[in-house]
Amino acid sequence: MRNMRHFLLLTVAVVVSGCASTPSIPEWIRKTPEPDSKYTYFVGSSSARDSATALNDATASLIAGIMQYMGVSISVTSDAEARASLDDYQAQITQTVKTEAKGRLAGFEVAEKYIQKDPKTGQYTVHVLARYETKELLKEKTRIESLFVEKIDAVVVPERKGDAAASEGRLLDAIRSYAEAMTAAGGSDIENARIKLERNAKKASGLAATLALTVPPAPSANIAVGGRLPSFLVRLVTNRGGTEQGVSGAPLVITYPRRLSSGRVGTATTQVFTDQSGSATFEVPAIDMIGNYKVTIQLDFASIGDLLASLPSWALPYSDALENDLSDIVTYLNYKVISAAKNIPTAIAVYNRNPANTGRLDLGVFANSLKEPLIKEGFVILDAKAPEVDGGSGIAQLRTVAPPQAQRFALAALDLGPITKDGDYFIASVSGSMSVFDLTNGNTVYSASKSAQGMGLSEAESIANALKVLAEQSFAKDLLSFLP
């Protein structure tokens, strides 16, 4: 083996076709020199149709050897800063090889090039021998390793945090850490990324499978209109190894029914956190609409879902499985809002608010259309006449005209609006107000004003249809839904 320490000048041997003699191939081409007390040696070789391409490829081969020594694959990517630093380092090696300049990269220089042309094929083969001061090479190796340690730790560190949190019983913290590790593995091409992602996904899903929300049975699932359910207790527990324990500090989302300004039923949400025992309490706000309702209590895993959202498409089966497991941590509280109104005898009276419309508004059509759906639902309905004094609605007046058994009085006042014609059809508008009074204590239990339109082939038919819509679709529906 030739002693590389004695190389004082760069030598280039070129063998072309037609030469009388062919120099012997240098020993370093056959076998890369072993490191000595100062240098570590690298060789790059390649063949191509032209010498420039062969040199470029040989340089790439040389760089690959250096990267292999450093334990970094040139296909590995990190963040933009690390990638840029590595690209710059490789560019400096390339320029040093091409220009044979010294000092561009500390401790690195080209010791020798050997270019050979095959006389038969015309193909060039280039060999490059480079030497690297070992102390500088090790410095560079340490620097490059540091570029990628963050990338490795991005999976290792959160996974270890997850393991520690799981052992301490902080299960949601553990699941969140495993999700961070999944995101790190899915967002890079580190070695065995798929295996690491799957491992963390299984750990997270395994913990999620031990979690459950429980709500003790409510003493009474029925409440009156406008009433409130007693405060209920919800508990998040884990069952690992046959032992049930509460999970503290867990965010829970509670979705409950509420009445919208439109009169329809919508929902509202609030967030609560479990205490040291894994419990949280919540009081369902009153809702003044009759019907069957449900309160949904669910683990709030939005922060974990945000982490999983950045995973690439190949990782979706793992993230979907974990999100499904977390979505299953849910429980429900069912209750019914009931009304005693159907059992309370109620008198109904209707009057014309505008005497000018006398004869045009059929009060009987409105009254019958109002009573029919109420009677169908079991209401006790009694007929009454409106007070004659200006159609007044004082409790004393109502008591004088109400049947003896009546406990409530529903009084409606109607008015006729404009009537238009569209082709062969008339369109009538009607409006009305209604109040329901408790004859015992004088309280008003319902009050509203509404309007409606109806269509017909005549004015009378359009008015009648408008009155039916106003009675059935507006007031009767309200009384069935809201009357306490």
Protein backbone atom coordinates (compact mmCIF):
# COMPACT_ATOMS: atom_id res chain seq x y z
CA MET A 1 0.00 0.00 0.00
CA ARG A 2 1.25 3.41 -0.86
CA ASN A 3 1.71 5.84 2.01
CA MET A 4 -0.69 8.73 1.35
CA ARG A 5 1.15 11.02 3.69
CA HIS A 6 3.84 11.37 1.02
CA PHE A 7 1.44 12.82 -1.56
CA LEU A 8 2.65 16.38 -2.03
CA LEU A 9 1.21 16.99 -5.46
CA LEU A 10 -2.03 15.95 -7.08
CA THR A 11 -1.40 13.56 -9.92
CA VAL A 12 -3.63 12.85 -12.85
CA ALA A 13 -3.04 9.84 -15.04
CA VAL A 14 -4.88 9.76 -18.33
CA VAL A 15 -4.74 6.76 -20.62
CA VAL A 16 -6.06 7.25 -24.13
CA SER A 17 -6.33 4.93 -27.05
CA GLY A 18 -3.25 4.71 -29.23
CA CYS A 19 -0.69 5.12 -26.41
CA ALA A 20 2.32 2.92 -26.75
CA SER A 21 2.16 1.79 -23.16
CA THR A 22 -0.46 1.77 -20.40
CA PRO A 23 0.50 2.81 -16.87
CA SER A 24 -0.42 0.38 -14.14
CA ILE A 25 -3.68 1.07 -12.31
CA PRO A 26 -3.05 2.69 -8.91
CA GLU A 27 -3.44 0.42 -5.90
CA TRP A 28 -5.99 2.76 -4.27
CA ILE A 29 -8.47 1.98 -7.08
CA ARG A 30 -8.35 -1.70 -6.24
CA LYS A 31 -8.62 -1.11 -2.49
CA THR A 32 -9.42 2.06 -0.57
CA PRO A 33 -6.49 2.95 1.70
CA GLU A 34 -6.92 2.32 5.40
CA PRO A 35 -7.03 5.37 7.69
CA ASP A 36 -3.65 6.48 8.97
CA SER A 37 -2.67 8.68 11.87
CA LYS A 38 -3.99 11.83 10.16
CA TYR A 39 -6.33 11.01 7.28
CA THR A 40 -9.34 8.92 6.41
CA TYR A 41 -9.61 8.08 2.71
CA PHE A 42 -12.58 7.85 0.34
CA VAL A 43 -12.80 6.72 -3.28
CA GLY A 44 -15.47 7.46 -5.85
CA SER A 45 -15.67 5.83 -9.27
CA SER A 46 -17.94 5.96 -12.29
CA SER A 47 -18.02 5.40 -16.08
CA ALA A 48 -19.81 7.37 -18.80
CA ARG A 49 -19.64 8.33 -22.49
CA ASP A 50 -17.94 11.63 -21.64
CA SER A 51 -15.42 12.51 -18.99
CA ALA A 52 -17.51 15.33 -17.47
CA THR A 53 -20.43 13.02 -16.73
CA ALA A 54 -18.11 10.35 -15.43
CA LEU A 55 -16.49 12.88 -13.08
CA ASN A 56 -19.87 14.10 -11.82
CA ASP A 57 -21.00 10.56 -11.13
CA ALA A 58 -17.71 9.66 -9.48
CA THR A 59 -18.09 12.70 -7.23
CA ALA A 60 -21.59 11.57 -6.28
CA SER A 61 -20.17 8.14 -5.47
CA LEU A 62 -17.49 9.77 -3.31
CA ILE A 63 -20.11 11.84 -1.44
CA ALA A 64 -22.22 8.73 -0.89
CA GLY A 65 -19.24 7.06 0.73
CA ILE A 66 -18.67 9.99 3.06
CA MET A 67 -22.38 10.09 4.00
CA GLN A 68 -22.31 6.35 4.65
CA TYR A 69 -19.35 6.84 6.99
CA MET A 70 -21.32 9.50 8.84
CA GLY A 71 -24.36 7.26 9.08
CA VAL A 72 -26.59 9.59 7.06
CA SER A 73 -28.37 8.50 3.91
CA ILE A 74 -28.49 11.28 1.33
CA SER A 75 -32.15 10.40 0.75
CA VAL A 76 -33.06 11.29 4.33
CA THR A 77 -34.85 14.60 4.71
CA SER A 78 -35.27 16.72 7.76
CA ASP A 79 -36.59 20.20 8.24
CA ALA A 80 -35.65 22.92 5.76
CA GLU A 81 -32.70 24.18 7.82
CA ALA A 82 -31.14 20.73 8.22
CA ARG A 83 -31.70 19.85 4.58
CA ALA A 84 -30.15 23.13 3.41
CA SER A 85 -27.11 22.61 5.63
CA LEU A 86 -26.56 19.10 4.31
CA ASP A 87 -26.98 20.24 0.70
CA ASP A 88 -24.44 23.01 1.25
CA TYR A 89 -21.94 20.54 2.70
CA GLN A 90 -22.29 18.22 -0.28
CA ALA A 91 -21.96 21.17 -2.67
CA GLN A 92 -18.66 22.12 -1.06
CA ILE A 93 -17.35 18.59 -1.56
CA THR A 94 -18.45 18.69 -5.21
CA GLN A 95 -16.71 22.01 -5.86
CA THR A 96 -13.53 20.81 -4.16
CA VAL A 97 -13.43 17.73 -6.40
CA LYS A 98 -14.08 19.71 -9.57
CA THR A 99 -11.68 22.57 -8.89
CA GLU A 100 -9.17 20.64 -6.80
CA ALA A 101 -9.03 23.70 -4.56
CA LYS A 102 -7.70 23.46 -1.05
CA GLY A 103 -9.18 25.06 2.01
CA ARG A 104 -12.78 25.18 0.71
CA LEU A 105 -13.77 22.51 3.24
CA ALA A 106 -11.64 22.18 6.38
CA GLY A 107 -9.43 19.10 6.24
CA PHE A 108 -10.78 17.79 2.93
CA GLU A 109 -8.85 17.62 -0.36
CA VAL A 110 -8.54 15.56 -3.52
CA ALA A 111 -5.41 13.43 -3.38
CA GLU A 112 -5.54 11.96 -6.86
CA LYS A 113 -7.71 11.49 -9.94
CA TYR A 114 -7.38 8.71 -12.44
CA ILE A 115 -9.19 9.00 -15.78
CA GLN A 116 -9.14 6.15 -18.28
CA LYS A 117 -10.66 5.89 -21.74
CA ASP A 118 -11.49 2.52 -23.20
CA PRO A 119 -10.04 2.42 -26.76
CA LYS A 120 -12.74 0.05 -27.95
CA THR A 121 -15.91 1.63 -26.54
CA GLY A 122 -14.70 5.20 -26.11
CA GLN A 123 -16.14 5.19 -22.59
CA TYR A 124 -14.45 7.15 -19.83
CA THR A 125 -13.89 5.81 -16.32
CA VAL A 126 -13.05 8.27 -13.57
CA HIS A 127 -11.68 7.42 -10.14
CA VAL A 128 -11.28 10.05 -7.42
CA LEU A 129 -9.24 9.56 -4.27
CA ALA A 130 -9.94 12.07 -1.49
CA ARG A 131 -8.45 12.34 1.91
CA TYR A 132 -10.09 13.89 4.96
CA GLU A 133 -8.31 14.89 8.13
CA THR A 134 -9.86 12.51 10.62
CA LYS A 135 -10.31 15.10 13.36
CA GLU A 136 -12.16 17.42 10.95
CA LEU A 137 -14.18 14.51 9.59
CA LEU A 138 -15.33 13.59 13.10
CA LYS A 139 -16.27 17.21 13.79
CA GLU A 140 -18.39 17.22 10.65
CA LYS A 141 -19.92 13.88 11.57
CA THR A 142 -20.98 15.28 14.96
CA ARG A 143 -22.42 18.39 13.30
CA ILE A 144 -24.43 16.42 10.76
CA GLU A 145 -25.70 14.00 13.38
CA SER A 146 -27.01 16.99 15.34
CA LEU A 147 -29.01 18.05 12.28
CA PHE A 148 -31.00 14.85 12.46
CA VAL A 149 -31.22 14.24 16.18
CA GLU A 150 -34.28 16.52 16.38
CA LYS A 151 -35.94 14.41 13.72
CA ILE A 152 -35.28 11.22 15.64
CA ASP A 153 -36.31 12.75 18.97
CA ALA A 154 -39.55 13.95 17.39
CA VAL A 155 -40.72 10.33 17.63
CA VAL A 156 -38.68 9.00 20.52
CA VAL A 157 -39.24 11.83 23.00
CA PRO A 158 -43.07 12.04 22.81
CA GLU A 159 -43.32 8.24 22.83
CA ARG A 160 -41.29 8.10 26.02
CA LYS A 161 -43.41 10.86 27.50
CA GLY A 162 -46.48 8.85 26.59
CA ASP A 163 -45.11 5.73 28.26
CA ALA A 164 -44.32 7.72 31.42
CA ALA A 165 -47.75 9.37 31.50
CA ALA A 166 -49.47 6.01 30.99
CA SER A 167 -47.56 4.46 33.90
CA GLU A 168 -48.59 7.40 36.10
CA GLY A 169 -52.27 7.07 35.14
CA ARG A 170 -52.38 10.29 33.08
CA LEU A 171 -54.03 8.51 30.19
CA LEU A 172 -55.15 11.49 28.12
CA ASP A 173 -51.68 13.03 28.35
CA ALA A 174 -50.30 9.67 27.23
CA ILE A 175 -52.66 9.43 24.26
CA ARG A 176 -51.81 12.98 23.24
CA SER A 177 -48.06 12.21 23.41
CA TYR A 178 -48.51 9.08 21.32
CA ALA A 179 -50.44 11.18 18.78
CA GLU A 180 -47.49 13.60 18.66
CA ALA A 181 -45.16 10.68 18.00
CA MET A 182 -47.48 9.45 15.23
CA THR A 183 -47.44 12.89 13.64
CA ALA A 184 -43.64 13.06 13.78
CA ALA A 185 -43.27 9.62 12.20
CA GLY A 186 -45.88 10.37 9.54
CA GLY A 187 -44.37 13.70 8.65
CA SER A 188 -40.93 12.41 7.68
CA ASP A 189 -39.17 9.53 5.99
CA ILE A 190 -37.10 8.41 8.96
CA GLU A 191 -36.14 4.79 9.06
CA ASN A 192 -39.02 2.45 9.94
CA ALA A 193 -41.44 5.40 10.12
CA ARG A 194 -44.47 3.20 9.39
CA ILE A 195 -43.52 0.76 12.14
CA LYS A 196 -43.04 3.56 14.66
CA LEU A 197 -46.31 5.21 13.71
CA GLU A 198 -48.21 1.94 13.99
CA ARG A 199 -46.61 1.17 17.36
CA ASN A 200 -47.69 4.52 18.82
CA ALA A 201 -51.16 4.21 17.28
CA LYS A 202 -51.64 0.84 18.99
CA LYS A 203 -50.48 2.25 22.32
CA ALA A 204 -52.93 5.16 22.02
CA SER A 205 -55.85 2.98 20.93
CA GLY A 206 -55.08 0.51 23.70
CA LEU A 207 -55.46 3.23 26.31
CA ALA A 208 -58.57 4.69 24.66
CA ALA A 209 -60.22 1.27 24.81
CA THR A 210 -59.96 1.29 28.62
CA LEU A 211 -61.85 4.58 28.97
CA ALA A 212 -65.59 4.89 29.54
CA LEU A 213 -68.08 7.59 30.57
CA THR A 214 -70.80 6.71 33.07
CA VAL A 215 -73.91 8.60 34.18
CA PRO A 216 -75.94 7.29 37.15
CA PRO A 217 -79.65 6.77 36.36
CA ALA A 218 -81.63 9.95 36.92
CA PRO A 219 -84.24 9.75 39.72
CA SER A 220 -86.83 11.08 37.30
CA ALA A 221 -86.47 11.37 33.55
CA ASN A 222 -89.62 13.49 33.25
CA ILE A 223 -89.81 17.21 33.94
CA ALA A 224 -92.53 19.79 33.45
CA VAL A 225 -92.36 22.46 30.77
CA GLY A 226 -89.87 25.11 31.88
CA GLY A 227 -88.54 22.85 34.61
CA ARG A 228 -84.99 21.67 35.21
CA LEU A 229 -83.40 18.30 35.61
CA PRO A 230 -81.47 17.84 38.84
CA SER A 231 -77.71 18.30 38.43
CA PHE A 232 -76.28 15.07 37.09
CA LEU A 233 -72.89 13.50 37.71
CA VAL A 234 -70.78 12.12 34.88
CA ARG A 235 -67.59 10.17 35.50
CA LEU A 236 -64.70 9.23 33.20
CA VAL A 237 -63.11 5.98 34.32
CA THR A 238 -60.44 3.59 33.13
CA ASN A 239 -60.43 -0.11 33.74
CA ARG A 240 -56.96 -1.54 33.47
CA GLY A 241 -56.15 -4.85 35.07
CA GLY A 242 -59.65 -5.17 36.47
CA THR A 243 -59.36 -2.03 38.60
CA GLU A 244 -61.59 0.96 37.89
CA GLN A 245 -60.07 4.38 38.43
CA GLY A 246 -61.28 7.90 37.72
CA VAL A 247 -59.44 9.96 35.09
CA SER A 248 -58.85 13.53 36.23
CA GLY A 249 -58.41 16.69 34.18
CA ALA A 250 -60.27 15.32 31.17
CA PRO A 251 -62.22 17.79 28.98
CA LEU A 252 -65.80 16.74 28.29
CA VAL A 253 -68.18 18.29 25.77
CA ILE A 254 -71.83 18.36 26.80
CA THR A 255 -74.44 18.96 24.11
CA TYR A 256 -77.94 19.76 25.34
CA PRO A 257 -81.22 20.94 23.76
CA ARG A 258 -82.31 24.56 23.73
CA ARG A 259 -85.11 26.54 22.17
CA LEU A 260 -84.02 28.72 19.23
CA SER A 261 -85.39 32.17 18.56
CA SER A 262 -87.32 30.65 15.66
CA GLY A 263 -89.25 28.50 18.11
CA ARG A 264 -87.59 25.31 16.99
CA VAL A 265 -85.37 23.03 19.03
CA GLY A 266 -81.62 23.40 18.55
CA THR A 267 -78.59 22.48 20.59
CA ALA A 268 -75.95 24.21 22.65
CA THR A 269 -72.63 22.93 23.95
CA THR A 270 -70.46 23.56 26.96
CA GLN A 271 -67.21 22.12 28.27
CA VAL A 272 -66.47 20.76 31.72
CA PHE A 273 -63.41 19.08 33.22
CA THR A 274 -63.27 16.05 35.46
CA ASP A 275 -61.98 16.48 39.01
CA GLN A 276 -59.48 14.32 40.88
CA SER A 277 -62.01 11.49 41.11
CA GLY A 278 -62.77 11.70 37.38
CA SER A 279 -66.19 13.27 38.00
CA ALA A 280 -67.93 16.38 36.67
CA THR A 281 -71.40 17.82 37.29
CA PHE A 282 -73.72 19.67 34.97
CA GLU A 283 -77.20 21.13 35.19
CA VAL A 284 -79.34 21.00 32.05
CA PRO A 285 -80.91 24.42 31.39
CA ALA A 286 -84.69 24.56 31.36
CA ILE A 287 -86.44 24.13 28.04
CA ASP A 288 -90.06 25.20 27.59
CA MET A 289 -90.90 22.79 24.78
CA ILE A 290 -92.69 19.52 25.21
CA GLY A 291 -90.93 16.48 23.81
CA ASN A 292 -88.27 13.81 24.23
CA TYR A 293 -84.73 15.11 24.59
CA LYS A 294 -81.20 13.81 24.90
CA VAL A 295 -78.05 15.19 26.50
CA THR A 296 -74.82 13.93 24.95
CA ILE A 297 -71.63 13.77 27.03
CA GLN A 298 -68.46 13.01 25.08
CA LEU A 299 -64.72 13.14 25.58
CA ASP A 300 -63.32 16.27 23.94
CA PHE A 301 -60.35 15.04 21.91
CA ALA A 302 -60.14 18.01 19.53
CA SER A 303 -56.51 18.73 20.40
CA ILE A 304 -55.59 15.14 19.60
CA GLY A 305 -57.61 15.24 16.39
CA ASP A 306 -55.73 18.36 15.31
CA LEU A 307 -52.45 16.45 15.60
CA LEU A 308 -53.75 13.50 13.60
CA ALA A 309 -55.10 15.78 10.87
CA SER A 310 -51.58 16.42 9.57
CA LEU A 311 -50.81 12.75 8.91
CA PRO A 312 -50.24 11.66 5.29
CA SER A 313 -52.77 9.54 3.43
CA TRP A 314 -50.95 6.26 4.07
CA ALA A 315 -51.41 6.79 7.82
CA LEU A 316 -55.18 7.41 7.66
CA PRO A 317 -56.17 3.86 8.72
CA TYR A 318 -54.23 4.35 11.96
CA SER A 319 -55.54 7.85 12.68
CA ASP A 320 -59.12 6.88 11.76
CA ALA A 321 -58.98 3.88 14.09
CA LEU A 322 -57.75 6.01 16.99
CA GLU A 323 -60.34 8.73 16.36
CA ASN A 324 -63.09 6.08 16.24
CA ASP A 325 -61.91 4.71 19.59
CA LEU A 326 -61.96 8.20 21.09
CA SER A 327 -65.38 8.96 19.57
CA ASP A 328 -66.81 5.90 21.32
CA ILE A 329 -66.10 7.48 24.71
CA VAL A 330 -69.59 8.91 24.96
CA THR A 331 -72.74 8.51 27.04
CA TYR A 332 -76.26 9.91 26.93
CA LEU A 333 -78.91 11.20 29.31
CA ASN A 334 -82.47 10.90 28.01
CA TYR A 335 -85.35 12.85 29.48
CA LYS A 336 -88.84 13.98 28.60
CA VAL A 337 -90.48 17.36 28.99
CA ILE A 338 -94.14 16.88 29.72
CA SER A 339 -97.10 19.19 30.15
CA ALA A 340 -100.15 18.98 32.37
CA ALA A 341 -102.06 21.20 29.95
CA LYS A 342 -104.11 18.39 28.39
CA ASN A 343 -105.58 17.55 31.79
CA ILE A 344 -106.57 21.12 32.55
CA PRO A 345 -110.04 22.06 31.18
CA THR A 346 -109.46 24.99 28.85
CA ALA A 347 -112.08 27.33 27.41
CA ILE A 348 -111.49 28.78 23.94
CA ALA A 349 -113.03 31.97 22.55
CA VAL A 350 -112.35 33.93 19.37
CA TYR A 351 -113.30 37.48 18.41
CA ASN A 352 -112.86 39.87 15.49
CA ARG A 353 -110.39 42.60 16.40
CA ASN A 354 -111.58 44.93 13.61
CA PRO A 355 -115.40 45.34 13.35
CA ALA A 356 -114.94 46.43 9.74
CA ASN A 357 -114.11 42.84 8.89
CA THR A 358 -117.36 41.48 10.31
CA GLY A 359 -118.83 38.99 7.89
CA ARG A 360 -115.53 38.42 6.10
CA LEU A 361 -113.70 36.55 8.88
CA ASP A 362 -115.28 33.17 9.67
CA LEU A 363 -114.39 32.83 13.35
CA GLY A 364 -115.83 29.32 13.42
CA VAL A 365 -113.31 28.11 10.83
CA PHE A 366 -110.47 29.37 13.00
CA ALA A 367 -111.95 27.96 16.25
CA ASN A 368 -112.56 24.49 14.78
CA SER A 369 -109.11 24.38 13.17
CA LEU A 370 -107.56 25.31 16.52
CA LYS A 371 -109.51 22.82 18.62
CA GLU A 372 -109.18 19.79 16.36
CA PRO A 373 -105.44 19.06 16.89
CA LEU A 374 -105.75 19.81 20.61
CA ILE A 375 -108.65 17.43 21.10
CA LYS A 376 -106.77 14.80 19.07
CA GLU A 377 -103.94 15.00 21.64
CA GLY A 378 -106.35 14.55 24.55
CA PHE A 379 -106.90 18.14 25.61
CA VAL A 380 -110.12 18.95 27.49
CA ILE A 381 -111.51 21.83 25.39
CA LEU A 382 -114.59 23.88 26.28
CA ASP A 383 -116.42 26.43 24.10
CA ALA A 384 -116.84 29.96 25.37
CA LYS A 385 -117.75 33.41 24.13
CA ALA A 386 -115.42 36.36 24.20
CA PRO A 387 -116.30 39.14 26.66
CA GLU A 388 -118.51 41.71 25.00
CA VAL A 389 -116.88 44.82 26.42
CA ASP A 390 -114.41 45.77 23.70
CA GLY A 391 -113.39 42.15 23.50
CA GLY A 392 -111.59 42.73 26.79
CA SER A 393 -109.44 40.08 28.38
CA GLY A 394 -109.49 40.96 32.07
CA ILE A 395 -109.48 37.91 34.29
CA ALA A 396 -112.72 39.01 35.96
CA GLN A 397 -114.43 39.33 32.57
CA LEU A 398 -113.10 35.96 31.42
CA ARG A 399 -114.35 34.25 34.56
CA THR A 400 -117.87 35.56 33.90
CA VAL A 401 -118.01 34.00 30.42
CA ALA A 402 -116.02 30.81 31.09
CA PRO A 403 -117.83 27.51 31.68
CA PRO A 404 -117.86 26.56 35.40
CA GLN A 405 -115.37 23.70 35.01
CA ALA A 406 -112.83 25.76 33.00
CA GLN A 407 -109.50 26.39 34.74
CA ARG A 408 -107.83 28.11 31.79
CA PHE A 409 -109.07 30.48 29.13
CA ALA A 410 -107.55 30.80 25.62
CA LEU A 411 -108.63 34.02 23.95
CA ALA A 412 -107.79 34.75 20.30
CA ALA A 413 -108.23 38.05 18.45
CA LEU A 414 -108.16 38.02 14.63
CA ASP A 415 -107.69 40.60 11.92
CA LEU A 416 -107.86 40.54 8.14
CA GLY A 417 -104.96 41.81 6.11
CA PRO A 418 -104.66 42.62 2.40
CA ILE A 419 -106.02 40.30 -0.29
CA THR A 420 -104.22 40.09 -3.63
CA LYS A 421 -104.86 38.18 -6.82
CA ASP A 422 -102.36 36.06 -8.74
CA GLY A 423 -103.89 34.76 -11.93
CA ASP A 424 -107.03 32.84 -11.06
CA TYR A 425 -106.13 32.66 -7.36
CA PHE A 426 -106.72 34.99 -4.46
CA ILE A 427 -104.15 35.26 -1.66
CA ALA A 428 -105.40 36.43 1.73
CA SER A 429 -103.36 37.50 4.75
CA VAL A 430 -104.64 37.18 8.29
CA SER A 431 -103.07 37.93 11.66
CA GLY A 432 -103.97 37.17 15.22
CA SER A 433 -102.90 37.24 18.82
CA MET A 434 -103.64 34.67 21.48
CA SER A 435 -103.21 34.53 25.23
CA VAL A 436 -103.92 31.68 27.62
CA PHE A 437 -104.81 32.68 31.18
CA ASP A 438 -104.89 30.68 34.39
CA LEU A 439 -108.34 31.49 35.79
CA THR A 440 -107.30 30.48 39.30
CA ASN A 441 -104.33 32.77 39.90
CA GLY A 442 -104.76 35.14 36.95
CA ASN A 443 -101.33 34.37 35.44
CA THR A 444 -100.75 34.45 31.69
CA VAL A 445 -99.25 31.06 30.70
CA TYR A 446 -98.94 31.75 26.97
CA SER A 447 -99.02 34.80 24.71
CA ALA A 448 -98.05 35.26 21.07
CA SER A 449 -98.92 37.12 17.85
CA LYS A 450 -98.70 35.43 14.46
CA SER A 451 -99.76 35.80 10.83
CA ALA A 452 -100.46 33.50 7.91
CA GLN A 453 -101.53 33.44 4.25
CA GLY A 454 -104.01 31.30 2.36
CA MET A 455 -104.84 30.76 -1.31
CA GLY A 456 -108.21 30.11 -2.96
CA LEU A 457 -110.30 30.56 -6.07
CA SER A 458 -112.37 33.16 -4.24
CA GLU A 459 -111.71 35.73 -1.54
CA ALA A 460 -113.78 33.76 0.97
CA GLU A 461 -111.89 30.54 0.21
CA SER A 462 -108.49 32.25 0.52
CA ILE A 463 -109.50 33.83 3.87
CA ALA A 464 -110.76 30.49 5.21
CA ASN A 465 -107.55 28.74 4.20
CA ALA A 466 -105.45 31.48 5.80
CA LEU A 467 -107.43 31.09 9.05
CA LYS A 468 -106.85 27.32 8.99
CA VAL A 469 -103.11 27.77 8.56
CA LEU A 470 -102.99 30.35 11.35
CA ALA A 471 -104.94 28.09 13.71
CA GLU A 472 -103.34 24.71 12.93
CA GLN A 473 -99.77 25.50 11.95
CA SER A 474 -99.15 28.40 14.30
CA PHE A 475 -101.26 28.57 17.44
CA ALA A 476 -102.25 24.91 17.89
CA LYS A 477 -98.66 23.79 17.36
CA ASP A 478 -97.48 26.32 19.93
CA LEU A 479 -100.03 25.18 22.52
CA LEU A 480 -99.05 21.54 22.02
CA SER A 481 -95.38 22.35 22.38
CA PHE A 482 -95.10 25.11 24.94
CA LEU A 483 -98.17 25.16 27.16
CA PRO A 484 -97.18 24.15 30.70
